[in-house]
Amino acid sequence: MPRPRLCRRIRFEPNITYFKPQGVPMRELEIVELTTEEIEAYRLRHINDLEQIEAADKMKTSQSTYQRILYSAYKKIADALINGKAIKIIK
């Protein structure tokens, strides 16, 4: 039986939940789904310029879990940008 998922602190609720390449209809695009956890980790590191230890504390998680969440966000964002995919932010 898997371990129950912890509730992490997310202080950012995006108003926009889709990003897509210009000039390509949505029906022709693959979609990469980013969680609000991943967006929060990315925001804390790159918008608020926090180090991983500080950002992990703000999200109420361990530094290793924070790093795993952040790298997951990096991979998904890179995939969308390099391969011309849409990004959907999910809860």
N, C-alpha and C. Protein backbone atom coordinates (compact mmCIF):
# COMPACT_ATOMS: atom_id res chain seq x y z
N MET A 1 0.85 -1.18 0.00
CA MET A 1 0.00 0.00 0.00
C MET A 1 0.89 1.24 0.00
N PRO A 2 0.67 2.18 -0.93
CA PRO A 2 1.52 3.37 -1.00
C PRO A 2 1.31 4.29 0.20
N ARG A 3 2.34 5.03 0.48
CA ARG A 3 2.30 5.99 1.58
C ARG A 3 1.33 7.13 1.22
N PRO A 4 0.55 7.63 2.20
CA PRO A 4 -0.36 8.74 1.89
C PRO A 4 0.41 9.99 1.51
N ARG A 5 -0.13 10.73 0.58
CA ARG A 5 0.52 11.94 0.09
C ARG A 5 0.33 13.08 1.09
N LEU A 6 1.42 13.79 1.37
CA LEU A 6 1.37 14.91 2.30
C LEU A 6 0.78 16.15 1.64
N CYS A 7 0.17 16.98 2.44
CA CYS A 7 -0.37 18.24 1.95
C CYS A 7 0.73 19.29 2.00
N ARG A 8 1.13 19.78 0.85
CA ARG A 8 2.18 20.80 0.79
C ARG A 8 1.55 22.17 0.69
N ARG A 9 2.26 23.16 1.19
CA ARG A 9 1.75 24.52 1.17
C ARG A 9 1.95 25.14 -0.21
N ILE A 10 0.84 25.52 -0.83
CA ILE A 10 0.86 26.19 -2.13
C ILE A 10 0.24 27.56 -1.92
N ARG A 11 1.01 28.60 -2.16
CA ARG A 11 0.51 29.96 -1.95
C ARG A 11 0.25 30.70 -3.25
N PHE A 12 0.24 30.00 -4.33
CA PHE A 12 0.06 30.62 -5.64
C PHE A 12 -1.05 29.90 -6.38
N GLU A 13 -2.05 30.62 -6.76
CA GLU A 13 -3.15 30.07 -7.55
C GLU A 13 -3.14 30.79 -8.89
N PRO A 14 -2.68 30.12 -9.96
CA PRO A 14 -2.59 30.80 -11.26
C PRO A 14 -3.95 31.16 -11.84
N ASN A 15 -4.04 32.34 -12.42
CA ASN A 15 -5.27 32.77 -13.11
C ASN A 15 -5.37 32.14 -14.49
N ILE A 16 -4.23 31.87 -15.06
CA ILE A 16 -4.16 31.28 -16.40
C ILE A 16 -3.69 29.84 -16.24
N THR A 17 -4.39 28.90 -16.84
CA THR A 17 -4.05 27.49 -16.66
C THR A 17 -3.58 26.81 -17.94
N TYR A 18 -3.56 27.53 -19.05
CA TYR A 18 -3.06 26.98 -20.32
C TYR A 18 -2.07 27.94 -20.96
N PHE A 19 -1.01 27.37 -21.51
CA PHE A 19 -0.06 28.10 -22.35
C PHE A 19 0.15 27.24 -23.58
N LYS A 20 0.22 27.89 -24.75
CA LYS A 20 0.40 27.11 -25.96
C LYS A 20 1.22 27.90 -26.98
N PRO A 21 1.83 27.19 -27.91
CA PRO A 21 2.55 27.87 -28.98
C PRO A 21 1.59 28.71 -29.83
N GLN A 22 2.04 29.88 -30.20
CA GLN A 22 1.21 30.77 -31.02
C GLN A 22 1.01 30.19 -32.41
N GLY A 23 -0.20 30.35 -32.92
CA GLY A 23 -0.48 29.98 -34.30
C GLY A 23 -0.78 28.51 -34.54
N VAL A 24 -0.83 27.71 -33.47
CA VAL A 24 -1.14 26.30 -33.61
C VAL A 24 -2.43 26.02 -32.84
N PRO A 25 -3.46 25.47 -33.51
CA PRO A 25 -4.71 25.18 -32.80
C PRO A 25 -4.49 24.15 -31.69
N MET A 26 -5.21 24.31 -30.57
CA MET A 26 -5.09 23.39 -29.44
C MET A 26 -5.33 21.94 -29.84
N ARG A 27 -6.24 21.71 -30.75
CA ARG A 27 -6.57 20.33 -31.13
C ARG A 27 -5.38 19.61 -31.79
N GLU A 28 -4.40 20.37 -32.26
CA GLU A 28 -3.24 19.78 -32.91
C GLU A 28 -2.06 19.60 -31.95
N LEU A 29 -2.21 20.03 -30.70
CA LEU A 29 -1.09 20.01 -29.76
C LEU A 29 -1.20 18.90 -28.74
N GLU A 30 -0.04 18.35 -28.39
CA GLU A 30 0.04 17.49 -27.21
C GLU A 30 0.05 18.40 -26.00
N ILE A 31 -0.39 17.89 -24.87
CA ILE A 31 -0.47 18.70 -23.65
C ILE A 31 0.44 18.11 -22.58
N VAL A 32 1.24 18.97 -21.97
CA VAL A 32 2.06 18.62 -20.81
C VAL A 32 1.35 19.18 -19.59
N GLU A 33 1.11 18.33 -18.59
CA GLU A 33 0.40 18.78 -17.39
C GLU A 33 1.38 19.06 -16.25
N LEU A 34 1.33 20.29 -15.76
CA LEU A 34 2.12 20.70 -14.60
C LEU A 34 1.19 20.81 -13.40
N THR A 35 1.63 20.29 -12.26
CA THR A 35 0.81 20.40 -11.05
C THR A 35 1.05 21.76 -10.40
N THR A 36 0.14 22.16 -9.54
CA THR A 36 0.33 23.41 -8.80
C THR A 36 1.56 23.31 -7.90
N GLU A 37 1.88 22.12 -7.42
CA GLU A 37 3.11 21.91 -6.64
C GLU A 37 4.34 22.27 -7.47
N GLU A 38 4.37 21.79 -8.70
CA GLU A 38 5.51 22.05 -9.58
C GLU A 38 5.61 23.54 -9.90
N ILE A 39 4.48 24.18 -10.16
CA ILE A 39 4.49 25.62 -10.45
C ILE A 39 4.96 26.40 -9.22
N GLU A 40 4.50 26.00 -8.04
CA GLU A 40 4.91 26.68 -6.81
C GLU A 40 6.41 26.53 -6.58
N ALA A 41 6.93 25.34 -6.77
CA ALA A 41 8.38 25.12 -6.61
C ALA A 41 9.16 25.98 -7.60
N TYR A 42 8.72 26.02 -8.83
CA TYR A 42 9.37 26.82 -9.87
C TYR A 42 9.30 28.31 -9.52
N ARG A 43 8.13 28.77 -9.07
CA ARG A 43 7.93 30.17 -8.70
C ARG A 43 8.83 30.58 -7.54
N LEU A 44 8.90 29.76 -6.51
CA LEU A 44 9.73 30.09 -5.36
C LEU A 44 11.20 30.19 -5.74
N ARG A 45 11.64 29.29 -6.60
CA ARG A 45 13.06 29.29 -6.98
C ARG A 45 13.40 30.41 -7.96
N HIS A 46 12.57 30.64 -8.97
CA HIS A 46 12.95 31.54 -10.05
C HIS A 46 12.29 32.91 -10.02
N ILE A 47 11.16 33.05 -9.37
CA ILE A 47 10.53 34.36 -9.26
C ILE A 47 10.91 35.00 -7.93
N ASN A 48 10.86 34.21 -6.87
CA ASN A 48 11.21 34.74 -5.53
C ASN A 48 12.69 34.61 -5.22
N ASP A 49 13.46 33.95 -6.09
CA ASP A 49 14.91 33.77 -5.93
C ASP A 49 15.30 33.13 -4.60
N LEU A 50 14.52 32.16 -4.15
CA LEU A 50 14.85 31.46 -2.91
C LEU A 50 15.77 30.28 -3.19
N GLU A 51 16.63 29.99 -2.25
CA GLU A 51 17.45 28.78 -2.34
C GLU A 51 16.55 27.59 -2.03
N GLN A 52 17.03 26.39 -2.35
CA GLN A 52 16.20 25.20 -2.18
C GLN A 52 15.77 24.98 -0.73
N ILE A 53 16.65 25.23 0.20
CA ILE A 53 16.31 25.01 1.62
C ILE A 53 15.17 25.94 2.04
N GLU A 54 15.27 27.21 1.67
CA GLU A 54 14.21 28.17 2.02
C GLU A 54 12.90 27.82 1.34
N ALA A 55 12.97 27.48 0.06
CA ALA A 55 11.77 27.15 -0.70
C ALA A 55 11.10 25.89 -0.15
N ALA A 56 11.89 24.90 0.22
CA ALA A 56 11.35 23.67 0.80
C ALA A 56 10.64 23.98 2.12
N ASP A 57 11.23 24.86 2.92
CA ASP A 57 10.59 25.26 4.18
C ASP A 57 9.25 25.95 3.91
N LYS A 58 9.21 26.82 2.92
CA LYS A 58 7.96 27.52 2.60
C LYS A 58 6.88 26.55 2.14
N MET A 59 7.29 25.50 1.43
CA MET A 59 6.32 24.51 0.95
C MET A 59 6.02 23.43 1.99
N LYS A 60 6.69 23.50 3.14
CA LYS A 60 6.50 22.51 4.21
C LYS A 60 6.83 21.10 3.73
N THR A 61 7.99 20.97 3.09
CA THR A 61 8.43 19.67 2.60
C THR A 61 9.94 19.56 2.81
N SER A 62 10.47 18.38 2.62
CA SER A 62 11.91 18.20 2.75
C SER A 62 12.63 18.78 1.53
N GLN A 63 13.91 19.04 1.70
CA GLN A 63 14.68 19.60 0.59
C GLN A 63 14.76 18.60 -0.57
N SER A 64 14.90 17.33 -0.27
CA SER A 64 14.99 16.33 -1.34
C SER A 64 13.67 16.21 -2.12
N THR A 65 12.54 16.28 -1.41
CA THR A 65 11.24 16.25 -2.08
C THR A 65 11.05 17.51 -2.91
N TYR A 66 11.44 18.66 -2.37
CA TYR A 66 11.35 19.92 -3.12
C TYR A 66 12.16 19.81 -4.40
N GLN A 67 13.38 19.30 -4.29
CA GLN A 67 14.25 19.18 -5.46
C GLN A 67 13.62 18.27 -6.51
N ARG A 68 13.02 17.17 -6.08
CA ARG A 68 12.37 16.25 -7.00
C ARG A 68 11.20 16.94 -7.72
N ILE A 69 10.40 17.71 -6.98
CA ILE A 69 9.28 18.45 -7.57
C ILE A 69 9.79 19.47 -8.58
N LEU A 70 10.84 20.21 -8.21
CA LEU A 70 11.40 21.24 -9.08
C LEU A 70 11.96 20.63 -10.37
N TYR A 71 12.69 19.53 -10.27
CA TYR A 71 13.25 18.91 -11.46
C TYR A 71 12.17 18.32 -12.36
N SER A 72 11.09 17.86 -11.76
CA SER A 72 9.96 17.40 -12.56
C SER A 72 9.37 18.56 -13.36
N ALA A 73 9.26 19.72 -12.72
CA ALA A 73 8.77 20.92 -13.42
C ALA A 73 9.72 21.31 -14.56
N TYR A 74 11.03 21.30 -14.28
CA TYR A 74 12.02 21.63 -15.31
C TYR A 74 11.84 20.73 -16.53
N LYS A 75 11.72 19.43 -16.28
CA LYS A 75 11.63 18.47 -17.38
C LYS A 75 10.38 18.70 -18.22
N LYS A 76 9.25 18.93 -17.56
CA LYS A 76 8.00 19.15 -18.27
C LYS A 76 8.01 20.46 -19.06
N ILE A 77 8.53 21.52 -18.47
CA ILE A 77 8.59 22.81 -19.16
C ILE A 77 9.52 22.72 -20.36
N ALA A 78 10.67 22.08 -20.19
CA ALA A 78 11.61 21.91 -21.31
C ALA A 78 10.97 21.10 -22.43
N ASP A 79 10.26 20.03 -22.09
CA ASP A 79 9.58 19.21 -23.10
C ASP A 79 8.59 20.05 -23.90
N ALA A 80 7.80 20.87 -23.18
CA ALA A 80 6.81 21.70 -23.87
C ALA A 80 7.47 22.73 -24.78
N LEU A 81 8.52 23.38 -24.29
CA LEU A 81 9.18 24.42 -25.10
C LEU A 81 9.92 23.83 -26.30
N ILE A 82 10.65 22.77 -26.09
CA ILE A 82 11.47 22.18 -27.16
C ILE A 82 10.61 21.47 -28.20
N ASN A 83 9.57 20.80 -27.75
CA ASN A 83 8.76 20.00 -28.65
C ASN A 83 7.44 20.65 -29.06
N GLY A 84 7.26 21.93 -28.72
CA GLY A 84 6.08 22.67 -29.16
C GLY A 84 4.77 22.14 -28.61
N LYS A 85 4.74 21.83 -27.32
CA LYS A 85 3.53 21.31 -26.69
C LYS A 85 2.86 22.39 -25.86
N ALA A 86 1.57 22.20 -25.59
CA ALA A 86 0.83 23.10 -24.70
C ALA A 86 1.12 22.71 -23.26
N ILE A 87 1.00 23.68 -22.35
CA ILE A 87 1.17 23.43 -20.92
C ILE A 87 -0.17 23.68 -20.24
N LYS A 88 -0.62 22.70 -19.47
CA LYS A 88 -1.84 22.82 -18.69
C LYS A 88 -1.48 22.72 -17.22
N ILE A 89 -1.95 23.66 -16.41
CA ILE A 89 -1.70 23.63 -14.98
C ILE A 89 -2.89 22.97 -14.31
N ILE A 90 -2.62 21.89 -13.58
CA ILE A 90 -3.69 21.15 -12.92
C ILE A 90 -3.50 21.18 -11.41
N LYS A 91 -4.57 20.90 -10.68
CA LYS A 91 -4.49 20.86 -9.21
C LYS A 91 -4.12 19.49 -8.72
